[in-house]
């Protein structure tokens, strides 16, 4: 998993329930954090959310019907906060939950090489 992170900016860990997916990334996070200062290792901060626990509008953002104003979703706020952080720590945004065809299709642009989260707000 570490080698994949070095060459890709986004990845999915897929497997059955109880297959140690969460343990896998948590162990890598702990190892990288404990090796901080050696070679390319830095402290790793993880923002975790279950995308199935909220609606798509709450996840990505939506237009407020009464005011026609854009409201950022949880993911947009986390990405915005992470991109403003200029510290040396690595930031992982982790969707820890069941894969859903709808939200993974929306995330496809982020996992692509263009590295852009394209929301209706622009």
Foldseek 3Di string as FASTA:
>chain_A
DVVVVVVFVDDDDDDDVVPCPVVVVVVVQVVLPVCDPPDLGHHEAEAEDAPVVDDPCQAAWDQDVVPRHIDGHPPVVVVVVQVPDPDSYHYHYYHPYDDDPVVVVQCVVCRDPVNDNDDPVD
